[in-house]
Each structure stands twice: as structure tokens, then as C-alpha cells.
Protein backbone atom coordinates (compact mmCIF):
# COMPACT_ATOMS: atom_id res chain seq x y z
CA UNK A 1 -18.15 36.40 42.49
CA UNK A 2 -14.61 35.24 41.70
CA UNK A 3 -13.95 34.36 45.34
CA UNK A 4 -17.16 32.38 45.57
CA UNK A 5 -16.40 30.56 42.31
CA UNK A 6 -12.88 29.73 43.52
CA UNK A 7 -14.21 28.34 46.82
CA UNK A 8 -16.74 26.25 44.93
CA UNK A 9 -14.04 24.82 42.69
CA UNK A 10 -11.85 24.01 45.70
CA UNK A 11 -14.78 22.27 47.39
CA UNK A 12 -15.48 20.20 44.27
CA UNK A 13 -11.79 19.36 43.94
CA UNK A 14 -11.63 18.26 47.58
CA UNK A 15 -14.67 16.01 47.13
CA UNK A 16 -13.19 14.50 43.95
CA UNK A 17 -9.86 13.82 45.70
CA UNK A 18 -11.62 12.21 48.67
CA UNK A 19 -13.70 10.00 46.40
CA UNK A 20 -10.60 9.07 44.41
CA UNK A 21 -8.77 8.02 47.58
CA UNK A 22 -11.71 5.92 48.76
CA UNK A 23 -12.09 4.32 45.33
CA UNK A 24 -8.34 3.62 45.14
CA UNK A 25 -8.44 1.81 48.48
CA UNK A 26 -11.42 -0.32 47.45
CA UNK A 27 -9.90 -1.15 44.07
CA UNK A 28 -6.57 -2.05 45.70
CA UNK A 29 -8.30 -4.43 48.14
CA UNK A 30 -10.10 -6.16 45.28
CA UNK A 31 -6.87 -6.47 43.31
CA UNK A 32 -5.12 -8.05 46.30
CA UNK A 33 -7.99 -10.49 46.83
CA UNK A 34 -8.01 -11.40 43.16
CA UNK A 35 -4.28 -12.11 43.16
CA UNK A 36 -4.63 -14.32 46.28
CA UNK A 37 -7.53 -16.32 44.83
CA UNK A 38 -5.69 -16.67 41.53
CA UNK A 39 -2.69 -18.15 43.34
CA UNK A 40 -5.12 -20.69 44.85
CA UNK A 41 -6.66 -21.40 41.40
CA UNK A 42 -10.08 -20.47 42.82
CA UNK A 43 -11.04 -17.37 40.84
CA UNK A 44 -14.55 -18.72 40.00
CA UNK A 45 -15.13 -19.32 43.72
CA UNK A 46 -14.09 -15.73 44.48
CA UNK A 47 -16.47 -14.40 41.84
CA UNK A 48 -19.31 -16.52 43.24
CA UNK A 49 -18.61 -15.27 46.78
CA UNK A 50 -18.70 -11.66 45.56
CA UNK A 51 -21.97 -12.22 43.72
CA UNK A 52 -23.55 -13.82 46.78
CA UNK A 53 -22.40 -10.92 48.93
CA UNK A 54 -23.37 -8.09 46.59
CA UNK A 55 -26.55 -9.31 44.88
CA UNK A 56 -28.94 -9.00 47.88
CA UNK A 57 -27.65 -5.52 48.69
CA UNK A 58 -27.91 -4.46 45.03
CA UNK A 59 -31.52 -5.68 44.77
CA UNK A 60 -32.45 -3.95 48.04
CA UNK A 61 -30.73 -0.74 46.90
CA UNK A 62 -32.62 -0.78 43.60
CA UNK A 63 -35.93 -1.36 45.37
CA UNK A 64 -35.18 1.42 47.87
CA UNK A 65 -34.25 3.84 45.10
CA UNK A 66 -37.47 3.17 43.18
CA UNK A 67 -39.59 3.68 46.31
CA UNK A 68 -37.74 6.82 47.43
CA UNK A 69 -37.74 8.34 43.96
CA UNK A 70 -41.47 7.71 43.54
CA UNK A 71 -42.19 9.24 46.96
CA UNK A 72 -40.01 12.26 46.15
CA UNK A 73 -41.68 12.79 42.80
CA UNK A 74 -45.14 12.60 44.39
CA UNK A 75 -44.11 15.07 47.08
CA UNK A 76 -42.81 17.54 44.50
CA UNK A 77 -45.99 17.13 42.48
CA UNK A 78 -48.04 17.94 45.57
CA UNK A 79 -45.99 21.13 45.98
CA UNK A 80 -46.86 22.10 42.40
CA UNK A 81 -43.39 21.51 40.96
CA UNK A 82 -42.42 19.10 38.22
CA UNK A 83 -38.94 17.62 38.23
CA UNK A 84 -38.73 17.97 34.46
CA UNK A 85 -38.82 21.75 34.82
CA UNK A 86 -35.65 21.80 36.94
CA UNK A 87 -33.09 19.54 35.31
CA UNK A 88 -30.21 20.42 37.62
CA UNK A 89 -32.24 19.79 40.75
CA UNK A 90 -33.63 16.57 39.23
CA UNK A 91 -30.12 15.23 38.59
CA UNK A 92 -28.88 16.26 42.03
CA UNK A 93 -31.89 14.82 43.86
CA UNK A 94 -31.64 11.58 41.88
CA UNK A 95 -27.98 11.20 42.84
CA UNK A 96 -28.74 11.92 46.50
CA UNK A 97 -31.64 9.44 46.53
CA UNK A 98 -29.47 6.79 44.87
CA UNK A 99 -26.75 7.31 47.48
CA UNK A 100 -29.35 7.18 50.27
CA UNK A 101 -30.80 3.95 48.83
CA UNK A 102 -27.35 2.34 48.71
CA UNK A 103 -26.61 3.37 52.30
CA UNK A 104 -30.00 2.13 53.51
CA UNK A 105 -29.57 -1.22 51.77
CA UNK A 106 -25.98 -1.66 52.96
CA UNK A 107 -26.93 -0.89 56.57
CA UNK A 108 -30.16 -2.92 56.71
CA UNK A 109 -29.35 -6.00 54.60
CA UNK A 110 -27.17 -8.87 55.74
CA UNK A 111 -26.33 -10.61 52.47
CA UNK A 112 -25.49 -13.97 54.03
CA UNK A 113 -28.82 -14.12 55.84
CA UNK A 114 -30.49 -13.89 52.43
CA UNK A 115 -28.10 -16.46 50.97
CA UNK A 116 -28.78 -18.90 53.81
CA UNK A 117 -32.53 -18.46 53.36
CA UNK A 118 -32.46 -19.39 49.66
CA UNK A 119 -29.80 -22.04 50.24
CA UNK A 120 -32.06 -23.78 52.76
CA UNK A 121 -35.04 -24.08 50.42
CA UNK A 122 -34.34 -27.63 49.21
CA UNK A 123 -33.24 -29.40 52.35
CA UNK A 124 -33.43 -33.21 52.57
CA UNK A 125 -36.25 -34.81 54.52
CA UNK A 126 -33.90 -35.70 57.37
CA UNK A 127 -33.27 -32.03 58.05
CA UNK A 128 -36.97 -31.34 58.57
CA UNK A 129 -37.77 -34.45 60.61
CA UNK A 130 -37.46 -32.66 63.95
CA UNK A 131 -40.21 -30.15 64.72
CA UNK A 132 -40.70 -27.71 67.54
CA UNK A 133 -43.22 -29.00 70.06
CA UNK A 134 -44.71 -25.52 70.60
CA UNK A 135 -45.05 -24.04 67.11
CA UNK A 136 -44.57 -27.18 65.02
CA UNK A 137 -41.75 -25.67 62.96
CA UNK A 138 -38.68 -27.60 61.78
CA UNK A 139 -35.16 -26.66 62.76
CA UNK A 140 -34.53 -25.06 59.37
CA UNK A 141 -37.22 -22.48 60.09
CA UNK A 142 -35.26 -21.10 63.04
CA UNK A 143 -31.91 -21.32 61.26
CA UNK A 144 -32.84 -19.96 57.83
CA UNK A 145 -36.42 -18.62 57.60
CA UNK A 146 -36.85 -16.66 60.80
CA UNK A 147 -33.63 -14.62 60.46
CA UNK A 148 -34.65 -13.75 56.89
CA UNK A 149 -38.13 -12.62 57.95
CA UNK A 150 -36.61 -10.54 60.75
CA UNK A 151 -34.27 -8.97 58.21
CA UNK A 152 -37.18 -8.11 55.92
CA UNK A 153 -39.06 -6.56 58.82
CA UNK A 154 -36.09 -4.35 59.72
CA UNK A 155 -35.59 -3.33 56.09
CA UNK A 156 -39.28 -2.45 55.70
CA UNK A 157 -39.18 -0.40 58.90
CA UNK A 158 -36.06 1.51 57.79
CA UNK A 159 -37.66 2.22 54.42
CA UNK A 160 -40.90 3.37 56.07
CA UNK A 161 -38.98 5.79 58.29
CA UNK A 162 -37.04 7.18 55.30
CA UNK A 163 -40.13 7.64 53.11
CA UNK A 164 -41.55 10.82 54.73
CA UNK A 165 -38.11 12.46 54.48
CA UNK A 166 -37.97 11.95 50.71
CA UNK A 167 -41.35 13.46 49.77
CA UNK A 168 -39.88 16.82 48.76
CA UNK A 169 -37.93 19.85 49.85
CA UNK A 170 -39.22 22.28 52.45
CA UNK A 171 -38.53 25.20 50.15
CA UNK A 172 -40.73 23.75 47.42
CA UNK A 173 -43.43 22.79 49.89
CA UNK A 174 -43.45 26.31 51.31
CA UNK A 175 -45.60 27.43 48.40
CA UNK A 176 -48.43 25.39 49.89
CA UNK A 177 -47.84 26.37 53.51
CA UNK A 178 -51.57 26.51 54.24
CA UNK A 179 -52.24 22.85 53.70
CA UNK A 180 -48.71 21.50 54.19
CA UNK A 181 -48.73 21.12 58.01
CA UNK A 182 -51.87 18.99 57.93
CA UNK A 183 -50.52 17.07 54.95
CA UNK A 184 -47.12 16.42 56.52
CA UNK A 185 -48.66 15.34 59.82
CA UNK A 186 -51.04 13.03 58.00
CA UNK A 187 -48.27 11.52 55.84
CA UNK A 188 -46.00 10.89 58.83
CA UNK A 189 -48.74 9.31 60.93
CA UNK A 190 -50.08 7.14 58.12
CA UNK A 191 -46.57 5.99 57.15
CA UNK A 192 -45.72 5.03 60.73
CA UNK A 193 -49.07 3.31 61.34
CA UNK A 194 -48.95 1.48 58.02
CA UNK A 195 -45.43 0.25 58.77
CA UNK A 196 -46.46 -1.02 62.20
CA UNK A 197 -49.59 -2.67 60.81
CA UNK A 198 -47.54 -4.33 58.08
CA UNK A 199 -44.87 -5.58 60.45
CA UNK A 200 -46.94 -6.63 63.44
CA UNK A 201 -50.16 -7.78 61.81
CA UNK A 202 -53.63 -6.42 61.03
CA UNK A 203 -54.64 -6.69 64.69
CA UNK A 204 -52.49 -3.62 65.31
CA UNK A 205 -55.12 -1.50 63.53
CA UNK A 206 -57.77 -2.29 66.11
CA UNK A 207 -56.19 0.09 68.61
CA UNK A 208 -55.60 2.91 66.11
CA UNK A 209 -57.89 5.66 64.82
CA UNK A 210 -59.64 4.92 61.56
CA UNK A 211 -57.53 7.22 59.27
CA UNK A 212 -54.36 5.27 60.09
CA UNK A 213 -55.38 1.86 58.69
């Protein structure tokens, strides 16, 4: 028992040291940037740039966390387990889901694509005078709107793929092994079909079996 406890403490200490080193590097980079912008007398500009770069990712991370946490809670409820009955597991799973949501948002969201989309909302009439002869869309649609819609499609697809993995642990679901295989297969197929139908239009459902859409 003592050896196992000592190894656990060393593992925790190693994780804390690694996180401290990563945090120190990030903090040092921000301090250097702040000092440079202060020398240029442009600290408000630096703060605005940071807000523009972090706000879309923060909103996407919050949305991802809410969706993943709800899916996890529903999966645990299906397995007959309430998160409130296991406080340690609830805290650990919440932290893991929050980290997963941040990683998903950081990998799937390009902040400046979102900023360009909202920045191009109130363009002057001269900017929308030219229109595509095929689709009848102005130039701003291809420069600002279409990249944003493509970004949303990718984010929705990433979230749809991550959803079935967050429905609950295999150990908890093992208590309902009789109906779990059918349930898991149904959840995975419906999630994938729903994502495709949402991303590529309702016509996608015409070629799928009825339970999918």
C-alpha cells in the first residue's frame, strides 16, 4: 500500500510540475507581449486583439462542454447510475469533459474566420454591387460568409463524432449488457446520420432507413 501511495504521489507531482512549466511559458509569453505593446502605447489594441482571438473559442468550448456533459449524464442515467451518488467520479468526469471541450473548440474553431464573418455584416453598398453570375451571391459571401458556414459545419461534425464517446463509461454500462449493444449501435448510427442530414440537407434522409432520420 505504501509503495502504491508513493507512486501515486510521484505521478501527481510530475503532472503538477508539467502543468506549472506549461503555464509558466504561457504566462511569460503574455508578459513579453504586454511589455512590447506597452512600449508602443497600444495596450487597448492588444487587449482587443486577445478578446477577438479568444472569445469565439471560449463560446465554442462552453457550448461543447454543455453538450458533452448532457450526453454523458444521459448515458450514465441509462446505465442506472446517478452522478450525484459518486462525487469523485463526477468531479473527475467534469474536468475531463471540460478539457475535451476546450481541445475540440481550439482545434475546430478559427477565431479570425468568426471575426471576419461578423465584421463583414455591415458592408457598404459598393462592396455588394458585384454578384456572382451563377449563384447570385456578392463577393462578401465568398470572403466572409462561406468560410464561416464551412467552419460551423466542421465544428458540428467534430461535436457529433465526440458525442457517442461521452455517453458514459463501459464499466457503468456493463450492468445493462443485455440491451447495451443494441443501444450503442443505435446511438452511433443515429448520431452519424443526424450529423450528415444536418450538414448536407434533408435530402440526405431519402437514401437512409427510416430510424436514422
